[in-house]
Each structure stands twice: as C-alpha cells, then as structure tokens.
C-alpha atoms as a PDB file:
ATOM      1  CA  UNK A   1     -20.282 -75.191  -4.736  1.00  0.00           C
ATOM      2  CA  UNK A   2     -22.533 -73.383  -2.634  1.00  0.00           C
ATOM      3  CA  UNK A   3     -19.980 -73.783   0.385  1.00  0.00           C
ATOM      4  CA  UNK A   4     -17.525 -72.226  -2.356  1.00  0.00           C
ATOM      5  CA  UNK A   5     -19.652 -68.836  -2.269  1.00  0.00           C
ATOM      6  CA  UNK A   6     -20.128 -69.009   1.541  1.00  0.00           C
ATOM      7  CA  UNK A   7     -16.331 -68.738   2.277  1.00  0.00           C
ATOM      8  CA  UNK A   8     -15.757 -66.379  -0.608  1.00  0.00           C
ATOM      9  CA  UNK A   9     -18.510 -63.709   0.824  1.00  0.00           C
ATOM     10  CA  UNK A  10     -17.196 -64.605   4.234  1.00  0.00           C
ATOM     11  CA  UNK A  11     -13.172 -63.433   3.022  1.00  0.00           C
ATOM     12  CA  UNK A  12     -14.746 -60.494   1.723  1.00  0.00           C
ATOM     13  CA  UNK A  13     -16.832 -59.569   4.514  1.00  0.00           C
ATOM     14  CA  UNK A  14     -13.447 -59.648   6.232  1.00  0.00           C
ATOM     15  CA  UNK A  15     -11.356 -57.558   4.454  1.00  0.00           C
ATOM     16  CA  UNK A  16     -14.232 -54.526   4.168  1.00  0.00           C
ATOM     17  CA  UNK A  17     -13.890 -54.695   8.077  1.00  0.00           C
ATOM     18  CA  UNK A  18     -10.168 -54.374   8.231  1.00  0.00           C
ATOM     19  CA  UNK A  19     -10.060 -51.878   5.303  1.00  0.00           C
ATOM     20  CA  UNK A  20      -9.259 -48.193   6.144  1.00  0.00           C
ATOM     21  CA  UNK A  21     -12.557 -46.431   6.151  1.00  0.00           C
ATOM     22  CA  UNK A  22     -13.269 -44.400   3.286  1.00  0.00           C
ATOM     23  CA  UNK A  23     -13.826 -40.565   3.924  1.00  0.00           C
ATOM     24  CA  UNK A  24     -15.925 -38.429   1.834  1.00  0.00           C
ATOM     25  CA  UNK A  25     -13.846 -37.687  -0.579  1.00  0.00           C
ATOM     26  CA  UNK A  26     -13.043 -41.243  -1.092  1.00  0.00           C
ATOM     27  CA  UNK A  27     -15.196 -41.108  -4.258  1.00  0.00           C
ATOM     28  CA  UNK A  28     -13.332 -38.644  -6.485  1.00  0.00           C
ATOM     29  CA  UNK A  29     -10.096 -38.921  -4.951  1.00  0.00           C
ATOM     30  CA  UNK A  30      -9.604 -41.835  -3.607  1.00  0.00           C
ATOM     31  CA  UNK A  31      -8.804 -40.189   0.170  1.00  0.00           C
ATOM     32  CA  UNK A  32      -9.162 -42.910   2.862  1.00  0.00           C
ATOM     33  CA  UNK A  33      -8.906 -42.610   6.393  1.00  0.00           C
ATOM     34  CA  UNK A  34      -8.532 -45.066   9.641  1.00  0.00           C
ATOM     35  CA  UNK A  35      -9.908 -44.925  12.764  1.00  0.00           C
ATOM     36  CA  UNK A  36      -8.695 -42.056  15.081  1.00  0.00           C
ATOM     37  CA  UNK A  37      -8.352 -44.614  17.654  1.00  0.00           C
ATOM     38  CA  UNK A  38      -5.543 -46.093  15.436  1.00  0.00           C
ATOM     39  CA  UNK A  39      -3.053 -42.688  15.676  1.00  0.00           C
ATOM     40  CA  UNK A  40      -0.305 -43.021  17.506  1.00  0.00           C
ATOM     41  CA  UNK A  41       0.849 -40.323  20.131  1.00  0.00           C
ATOM     42  CA  UNK A  42       0.658 -37.177  18.649  1.00  0.00           C
ATOM     43  CA  UNK A  43       3.371 -35.851  21.632  1.00  0.00           C
ATOM     44  CA  UNK A  44       5.609 -38.316  19.912  1.00  0.00           C
ATOM     45  CA  UNK A  45       8.401 -37.042  17.443  1.00  0.00           C
ATOM     46  CA  UNK A  46       6.969 -38.190  13.840  1.00  0.00           C
ATOM     47  CA  UNK A  47       8.772 -39.347  10.978  1.00  0.00           C
ATOM     48  CA  UNK A  48       9.863 -37.361   7.821  1.00  0.00           C
ATOM     49  CA  UNK A  49       7.251 -39.490   5.647  1.00  0.00           C
ATOM     50  CA  UNK A  50       4.140 -38.548   8.259  1.00  0.00           C
ATOM     51  CA  UNK A  51       4.986 -34.288   7.560  1.00  0.00           C
ATOM     52  CA  UNK A  52       8.644 -32.602   7.284  1.00  0.00           C
ATOM     53  CA  UNK A  53       9.520 -31.632  10.480  1.00  0.00           C
ATOM     54  CA  UNK A  54      10.941 -28.756   9.091  1.00  0.00           C
ATOM     55  CA  UNK A  55       7.786 -27.261   7.447  1.00  0.00           C
ATOM     56  CA  UNK A  56       6.411 -24.408   8.962  1.00  0.00           C
ATOM     57  CA  UNK A  57       2.986 -25.925   9.265  1.00  0.00           C
ATOM     58  CA  UNK A  58       3.735 -28.739  11.498  1.00  0.00           C
ATOM     59  CA  UNK A  59       2.266 -26.779  14.447  1.00  0.00           C
ATOM     60  CA  UNK A  60      -1.074 -26.654  12.483  1.00  0.00           C
ATOM     61  CA  UNK A  61      -1.021 -29.837  11.265  1.00  0.00           C
ATOM     62  CA  UNK A  62      -0.571 -31.335  14.821  1.00  0.00           C
ATOM     63  CA  UNK A  63      -3.696 -28.890  15.918  1.00  0.00           C
ATOM     64  CA  UNK A  64      -5.839 -31.194  13.873  1.00  0.00           C
ATOM     65  CA  UNK A  65      -4.514 -34.363  14.696  1.00  0.00           C
ATOM     66  CA  UNK A  66      -4.525 -33.730  18.219  1.00  0.00           C
ATOM     67  CA  UNK A  67      -8.604 -32.197  17.881  1.00  0.00           C
ATOM     68  CA  UNK A  68      -9.279 -35.790  15.857  1.00  0.00           C
ATOM     69  CA  UNK A  69      -9.758 -34.219  12.983  1.00  0.00           C
ATOM     70  CA  UNK A  70      -7.262 -36.210  11.464  1.00  0.00           C
ATOM     71  CA  UNK A  71      -5.470 -39.323  11.467  1.00  0.00           C
ATOM     72  CA  UNK A  72      -1.850 -39.468  11.224  1.00  0.00           C
ATOM     73  CA  UNK A  73      -2.134 -42.206   8.391  1.00  0.00           C
ATOM     74  CA  UNK A  74      -4.364 -39.509   6.983  1.00  0.00           C
ATOM     75  CA  UNK A  75      -1.288 -37.230   7.346  1.00  0.00           C
ATOM     76  CA  UNK A  76       0.916 -39.201   6.107  1.00  0.00           C
ATOM     77  CA  UNK A  77      -1.329 -40.248   2.953  1.00  0.00           C
ATOM     78  CA  UNK A  78      -1.767 -36.258   2.356  1.00  0.00           C
ATOM     79  CA  UNK A  79       2.280 -36.110   2.399  1.00  0.00           C
ATOM     80  CA  UNK A  80       3.021 -39.051   0.214  1.00  0.00           C
ATOM     81  CA  UNK A  81       0.055 -37.558  -2.489  1.00  0.00           C
ATOM     82  CA  UNK A  82       0.771 -34.207  -2.813  1.00  0.00           C
ATOM     83  CA  UNK A  83       3.508 -33.101   0.253  1.00  0.00           C
ATOM     84  CA  UNK A  84       2.993 -29.878   1.906  1.00  0.00           C
ATOM     85  CA  UNK A  85       3.639 -27.482  -0.854  1.00  0.00           C
ATOM     86  CA  UNK A  86       1.376 -29.583  -3.434  1.00  0.00           C
ATOM     87  CA  UNK A  87      -1.811 -28.762  -4.608  1.00  0.00           C
ATOM     88  CA  UNK A  88      -4.562 -30.071  -2.783  1.00  0.00           C
ATOM     89  CA  UNK A  89      -8.499 -30.585  -4.415  1.00  0.00           C
ATOM     90  CA  UNK A  90     -11.532 -29.348  -3.093  1.00  0.00           C
ATOM     91  CA  UNK A  91     -12.820 -32.809  -2.197  1.00  0.00           C
ATOM     92  CA  UNK A  92     -10.317 -33.110   0.497  1.00  0.00           C
ATOM     93  CA  UNK A  93     -10.752 -29.438   2.343  1.00  0.00           C
ATOM     94  CA  UNK A  94     -14.646 -30.028   2.190  1.00  0.00           C
ATOM     95  CA  UNK A  95     -13.928 -33.353   3.673  1.00  0.00           C
ATOM     96  CA  UNK A  96     -12.016 -32.001   6.748  1.00  0.00           C
ATOM     97  CA  UNK A  97     -13.818 -29.028   7.092  1.00  0.00           C
ATOM     98  CA  UNK A  98     -17.096 -31.030   7.403  1.00  0.00           C
ATOM     99  CA  UNK A  99     -15.508 -32.737  10.358  1.00  0.00           C
ATOM    100  CA  UNK A 100     -14.165 -29.652  11.373  1.00  0.00           C
ATOM    101  CA  UNK A 101     -17.399 -27.970  11.981  1.00  0.00           C
ATOM    102  CA  UNK A 102     -19.370 -30.947  12.124  1.00  0.00           C
ATOM    103  CA  UNK A 103     -22.005 -30.502   8.788  1.00  0.00           C
ATOM    104  CA  UNK A 104     -22.329 -30.917   5.431  1.00  0.00           C
ATOM    105  CA  UNK A 105     -23.545 -27.883   3.013  1.00  0.00           C
ATOM    106  CA  UNK A 106     -27.140 -29.133   1.383  1.00  0.00           C
ATOM    107  CA  UNK A 107     -26.174 -30.576  -2.223  1.00  0.00           C
ATOM    108  CA  UNK A 108     -21.857 -30.733  -2.284  1.00  0.00           C
ATOM    109  CA  UNK A 109     -20.650 -32.294  -4.735  1.00  0.00           C
ATOM    110  CA  UNK A 110     -16.824 -33.079  -4.267  1.00  0.00           C
ATOM    111  CA  UNK A 111     -14.591 -32.354  -7.010  1.00  0.00           C
ATOM    112  CA  UNK A 112     -11.093 -33.992  -7.384  1.00  0.00           C
ATOM    113  CA  UNK A 113     -10.448 -30.548  -8.932  1.00  0.00           C
ATOM    114  CA  UNK A 114      -7.731 -27.939  -7.353  1.00  0.00           C
ATOM    115  CA  UNK A 115      -9.193 -24.931  -5.905  1.00  0.00           C
ATOM    116  CA  UNK A 116      -8.384 -21.271  -5.717  1.00  0.00           C
ATOM    117  CA  UNK A 117      -7.953 -19.559  -2.420  1.00  0.00           C
ATOM    118  CA  UNK A 118     -11.012 -17.425  -3.071  1.00  0.00           C
ATOM    119  CA  UNK A 119     -13.249 -20.375  -3.429  1.00  0.00           C
ATOM    120  CA  UNK A 120     -12.003 -22.212  -0.335  1.00  0.00           C
ATOM    121  CA  UNK A 121     -12.442 -18.922   1.378  1.00  0.00           C
ATOM    122  CA  UNK A 122     -16.320 -19.107  -0.052  1.00  0.00           C
ATOM    123  CA  UNK A 123     -16.467 -22.342   1.086  1.00  0.00           C
ATOM    124  CA  UNK A 124     -15.575 -22.414   4.600  1.00  0.00           C
ATOM    125  CA  UNK A 125     -17.380 -19.336   5.051  1.00  0.00           C
ATOM    126  CA  UNK A 126     -20.603 -20.300   3.551  1.00  0.00           C
ATOM    127  CA  UNK A 127     -19.786 -24.100   5.972  1.00  0.00           C
ATOM    128  CA  UNK A 128     -19.495 -21.363   9.028  1.00  0.00           C
ATOM    129  CA  UNK A 129     -22.627 -19.381   8.444  1.00  0.00           C
ATOM    130  CA  UNK A 130     -24.362 -22.928   7.774  1.00  0.00           C
ATOM    131  CA  UNK A 131     -23.733 -24.609  11.078  1.00  0.00           C
ATOM    132  CA  UNK A 132     -23.766 -21.484  12.935  1.00  0.00           C
ATOM    133  CA  UNK A 133     -20.452 -22.874  14.013  1.00  0.00           C
ATOM    134  CA  UNK A 134     -19.664 -18.959  15.221  1.00  0.00           C
ATOM    135  CA  UNK A 135     -20.768 -15.428  14.717  1.00  0.00           C
ATOM    136  CA  UNK A 136     -19.406 -13.839  11.324  1.00  0.00           C
ATOM    137  CA  UNK A 137     -19.169  -9.738  10.749  1.00  0.00           C
ATOM    138  CA  UNK A 138     -22.058  -8.130   9.068  1.00  0.00           C
ATOM    139  CA  UNK A 139     -21.182  -5.822   5.767  1.00  0.00           C
ATOM    140  CA  UNK A 140     -21.775  -3.275   7.114  1.00  0.00           C
ATOM    141  CA  UNK A 141     -19.218  -3.985  10.454  1.00  0.00           C
ATOM    142  CA  UNK A 142     -17.004  -4.682   7.594  1.00  0.00           C
ATOM    143  CA  UNK A 143     -17.270  -1.444   5.713  1.00  0.00           C
ATOM    144  CA  UNK A 144     -16.923   0.313   8.862  1.00  0.00           C
ATOM    145  CA  UNK A 145     -13.273  -1.353   9.979  1.00  0.00           C
ATOM    146  CA  UNK A 146     -12.210  -0.432   6.450  1.00  0.00           C
ATOM    147  CA  UNK A 147     -11.212  -3.768   5.831  1.00  0.00           C
ATOM    148  CA  UNK A 148     -10.270  -4.154   2.280  1.00  0.00           C
ATOM    149  CA  UNK A 149      -7.419  -6.017   0.353  1.00  0.00           C
ATOM    150  CA  UNK A 150      -4.817  -4.526  -2.456  1.00  0.00           C
ATOM    151  CA  UNK A 151      -5.751  -7.070  -4.862  1.00  0.00           C
ATOM    152  CA  UNK A 152      -9.277  -6.581  -4.508  1.00  0.00           C
ATOM    153  CA  UNK A 153      -9.789  -6.574  -8.087  1.00  0.00           C
ATOM    154  CA  UNK A 154      -8.395  -9.829  -8.659  1.00  0.00           C
ATOM    155  CA  UNK A 155     -11.580 -11.548  -7.336  1.00  0.00           C
ATOM    156  CA  UNK A 156     -14.219 -12.698  -9.337  1.00  0.00           C
ATOM    157  CA  UNK A 157     -17.147 -11.810  -6.457  1.00  0.00           C
ATOM    158  CA  UNK A 158     -18.441 -14.611  -4.796  1.00  0.00           C
ATOM    159  CA  UNK A 159     -15.412 -14.737  -2.571  1.00  0.00           C
ATOM    160  CA  UNK A 160     -14.947 -10.969  -1.446  1.00  0.00           C
ATOM    161  CA  UNK A 161     -16.951 -10.808   1.248  1.00  0.00           C
ATOM    162  CA  UNK A 162     -16.377 -14.017   2.615  1.00  0.00           C
ATOM    163  CA  UNK A 163     -12.266 -13.391   2.279  1.00  0.00           C
ATOM    164  CA  UNK A 164     -12.821 -10.355   4.569  1.00  0.00           C
ATOM    165  CA  UNK A 165     -15.635 -11.965   6.969  1.00  0.00           C
ATOM    166  CA  UNK A 166     -12.679 -14.794   7.322  1.00  0.00           C
ATOM    167  CA  UNK A 167     -10.205 -11.567   8.190  1.00  0.00           C
ATOM    168  CA  UNK A 168     -12.480 -10.129  10.588  1.00  0.00           C
ATOM    169  CA  UNK A 169     -12.731 -12.917  12.667  1.00  0.00           C
ATOM    170  CA  UNK A 170      -8.472 -13.696  12.240  1.00  0.00           C
ATOM    171  CA  UNK A 171      -8.830 -16.358  10.302  1.00  0.00           C
ATOM    172  CA  UNK A 172      -7.420 -15.427   7.162  1.00  0.00           C
ATOM    173  CA  UNK A 173      -4.921 -12.863   7.800  1.00  0.00           C
ATOM    174  CA  UNK A 174      -4.062 -12.413   3.823  1.00  0.00           C
ATOM    175  CA  UNK A 175      -0.023 -11.691   2.560  1.00  0.00           C
ATOM    176  CA  UNK A 176       1.299  -8.434   3.073  1.00  0.00           C
ATOM    177  CA  UNK A 177      -2.585  -6.623   2.881  1.00  0.00           C
ATOM    178  CA  UNK A 178      -3.206  -9.089  -0.472  1.00  0.00           C
ATOM    179  CA  UNK A 179      -4.917 -12.065  -0.357  1.00  0.00           C
ATOM    180  CA  UNK A 180      -4.461 -13.398  -4.063  1.00  0.00           C
ATOM    181  CA  UNK A 181      -7.490 -14.743  -4.589  1.00  0.00           C
ATOM    182  CA  UNK A 182      -6.609 -16.718  -8.013  1.00  0.00           C
ATOM    183  CA  UNK A 183      -3.705 -18.512  -7.084  1.00  0.00           C
ATOM    184  CA  UNK A 184      -3.905 -22.367  -5.920  1.00  0.00           C
ATOM    185  CA  UNK A 185      -3.982 -23.840  -2.625  1.00  0.00           C
ATOM    186  CA  UNK A 186      -1.601 -25.774  -0.927  1.00  0.00           C
ATOM    187  CA  UNK A 187      -2.155 -28.890   1.210  1.00  0.00           C
ATOM    188  CA  UNK A 188      -0.677 -26.868   4.311  1.00  0.00           C
ATOM    189  CA  UNK A 189      -2.600 -23.864   3.370  1.00  0.00           C
ATOM    190  CA  UNK A 190      -5.690 -25.810   3.591  1.00  0.00           C
ATOM    191  CA  UNK A 191      -5.041 -27.703   6.848  1.00  0.00           C
ATOM    192  CA  UNK A 192      -3.667 -24.191   8.384  1.00  0.00           C
ATOM    193  CA  UNK A 193      -6.619 -22.578   7.480  1.00  0.00           C
ATOM    194  CA  UNK A 194      -8.694 -25.536   9.487  1.00  0.00           C
ATOM    195  CA  UNK A 195      -6.469 -24.971  12.202  1.00  0.00           C
ATOM    196  CA  UNK A 196      -7.076 -21.663  12.269  1.00  0.00           C
ATOM    197  CA  UNK A 197     -10.761 -22.680  12.211  1.00  0.00           C
ATOM    198  CA  UNK A 198     -10.940 -25.211  15.008  1.00  0.00           C
ATOM    199  CA  UNK A 199      -8.446 -23.272  17.088  1.00  0.00           C
ATOM    200  CA  UNK A 200      -8.880 -19.341  17.724  1.00  0.00           C
ATOM    201  CA  UNK A 201      -5.732 -18.906  19.713  1.00  0.00           C
ATOM    202  CA  UNK A 202      -3.826 -19.280  16.417  1.00  0.00           C
ATOM    203  CA  UNK A 203      -5.932 -16.795  14.602  1.00  0.00           C
ATOM    204  CA  UNK A 204      -4.223 -13.691  13.839  1.00  0.00           C
ATOM    205  CA  UNK A 205      -5.959 -10.993  15.671  1.00  0.00           C
ATOM    206  CA  UNK A 206      -7.689  -8.381  13.621  1.00  0.00           C
ATOM    207  CA  UNK A 207      -5.710  -4.773  13.772  1.00  0.00           C
ATOM    208  CA  UNK A 208      -8.067  -1.670  14.344  1.00  0.00           C
ATOM    209  CA  UNK A 209      -8.985   0.716  11.432  1.00  0.00           C
ATOM    210  CA  UNK A 210      -5.767   3.543  11.361  1.00  0.00           C
ATOM    211  CA  UNK A 211      -5.937   6.386  13.172  1.00  0.00           C
ATOM    212  CA  UNK A 212      -6.036   9.689  11.522  1.00  0.00           C
ATOM    213  CA  UNK A 213      -2.165  11.065  11.249  1.00  0.00           C
ATOM    214  CA  UNK A 214      -0.975  13.002  13.396  1.00  0.00           C
ATOM    215  CA  UNK A 215       0.717  16.604  12.677  1.00  0.00           C
ATOM    216  CA  UNK A 216       4.165  16.556  12.991  1.00  0.00           C
ATOM    217  CA  UNK A 217       6.157  19.177  14.931  1.00  0.00           C
ATOM    218  CA  UNK A 218       8.658  21.186  14.340  1.00  0.00           C
ATOM    219  CA  UNK A 219      11.240  19.429  16.101  1.00  0.00           C
ATOM    220  CA  UNK A 220      13.438  17.211  14.078  1.00  0.00           C
ATOM    221  CA  UNK A 221      13.134  13.380  14.920  1.00  0.00           C
ATOM    222  CA  UNK A 222      14.660   9.972  13.514  1.00  0.00           C
ATOM    223  CA  UNK A 223      13.758   8.600  10.227  1.00  0.00           C
ATOM    224  CA  UNK A 224      11.131   5.773  11.223  1.00  0.00           C
ATOM    225  CA  UNK A 225      11.750   2.556  10.507  1.00  0.00           C
ATOM    226  CA  UNK A 226       9.997  -0.876   9.555  1.00  0.00           C
ATOM    227  CA  UNK A 227      10.905  -3.582  10.854  1.00  0.00           C
ATOM    228  CA  UNK A 228       9.035  -6.799   9.419  1.00  0.00           C
ATOM    229  CA  UNK A 229       8.152  -9.814  12.433  1.00  0.00           C
ATOM    230  CA  UNK A 230       7.706 -12.886  10.756  1.00  0.00           C
ATOM    231  CA  UNK A 231       7.268 -16.410  13.095  1.00  0.00           C
ATOM    232  CA  UNK A 232      10.083 -18.463  13.405  1.00  0.00           C
ATOM    233  CA  UNK A 233      10.187 -20.980  10.553  1.00  0.00           C
ATOM    234  CA  UNK A 234       7.135 -19.880   8.374  1.00  0.00           C
ATOM    235  CA  UNK A 235       7.105 -19.198   4.975  1.00  0.00           C
ATOM    236  CA  UNK A 236       5.486 -15.728   3.903  1.00  0.00           C
ATOM    237  CA  UNK A 237       3.843 -16.895   1.004  1.00  0.00           C
ATOM    238  CA  UNK A 238       1.896 -19.559   2.171  1.00  0.00           C
ATOM    239  CA  UNK A 239       0.735 -18.986   5.979  1.00  0.00           C
ATOM    240  CA  UNK A 240      -3.000 -20.650   5.045  1.00  0.00           C
ATOM    241  CA  UNK A 241      -5.324 -18.290   4.144  1.00  0.00           C
END
C-alpha cells in the first residue's frame, strides 16, 4: 500500500511538470500557456487553426509572438476559444498586458467578464503609468492639443482621460474620430492594442491640431475631394484601440 501511494505521487508530479504552465488568468478563464521555447518559428507560415491568414490583425499578433509575449500555443488557443472577432475577457487582456509591461497592478482581481473599450483604455493607462513604461501626457498637454472624441458623451467618466492619453501616444486612434467606449473588446482588438504598446512603430502618429482656416481668394478653384486611405486588409471597425 505504501509503495502504491509513492508511485501515485510520482505519477502526479510527472503529470504536473509536463502540463502547460498556467497563466495569470487561469483561475477565472482556464487560459493556459506553454514555455515560449516550445513555440515553432514565427517566420514560418501559420496553419489556419493558429490564426486566420486573411484577418487584418495577423501582423500585430505576429509581433506579440516574436516579442515572446504570447506563444503560438496561446494564439491557437485564443483562436479556437474566441476567434479574432470574438469577445475576450479582461483576465486575458490583463494577463498579456502584464507580460508586455512587466508589471501587475496592486490588488488586481482577474475577471472572466468581457470588457468595454473604455475599460481596456483605463486598465492599460493605469498599468503604463504604474510601471513607468513610458511617459503619459498631462491633462494640460491634452487640452493644448485639443484632443477630443466625437462620442465623448458616451464615456462613463473614468476612461475618458485615459483614452485621450493613449491617443496622444499613438496607441489609440479610434475610428473616424469616434472611440465607441461602450463597445465590447474583441480578441483581435486586444492583441492589436498590446502590439502597438510594445512596438511604437505600429502606432498611428498623433495628428496636430487643425490650423486656422485660410481665407479663400476670389479665384475659382476646383472642389476638394477627400480620399480615404486604409491599410490593406484592415477592418475599419476593428483596429485595436
């Protein structure tokens, strides 16, 4: 009997050492990861089961894998569980944000609930400032640059300044001047936001405040036409923050 107990304990230990490492969100979401060394080369083509090759967010997801913030196993797990356009929980976002910023907010309680874009902006802003990851603008700077969202009235209040600060840094760009603060965050948006946080080359440059209009002359001039330029394959309604 004693030998059986020893053998059982040894088998359990072996199983635990071979199982995937639990992520920070494991208690509420069941999210799991494997060691990053076990990931295949990110330069190789990904199977469709890992992440859809035609989805606009793929370049951003690759950045996170190359930076060893996510493993290919985790990307595939996210794809199978939610899909790029499925809603992601705040626990997943905060887990990967903690890896990106190498910090955890004191008193963090992970939740399996979906989060709004306002909540994501507030969480990311607080994590960036707490970790001193990079300088955030002061309210005076935001006022000077006249940063606003066209749907500012839809904010609950706590995430408005955070979203403007992220827009100032280029992490948040919104959609045609709208932020859609109460819309729930998809997996692709969350990962894209973290990729922009990690790599500032992916960010949208802050546009300067509009200059005073120049008085028109009496000469006739052709009517101006506006041409919308979009990134190839990008979904306008889902481009991160």
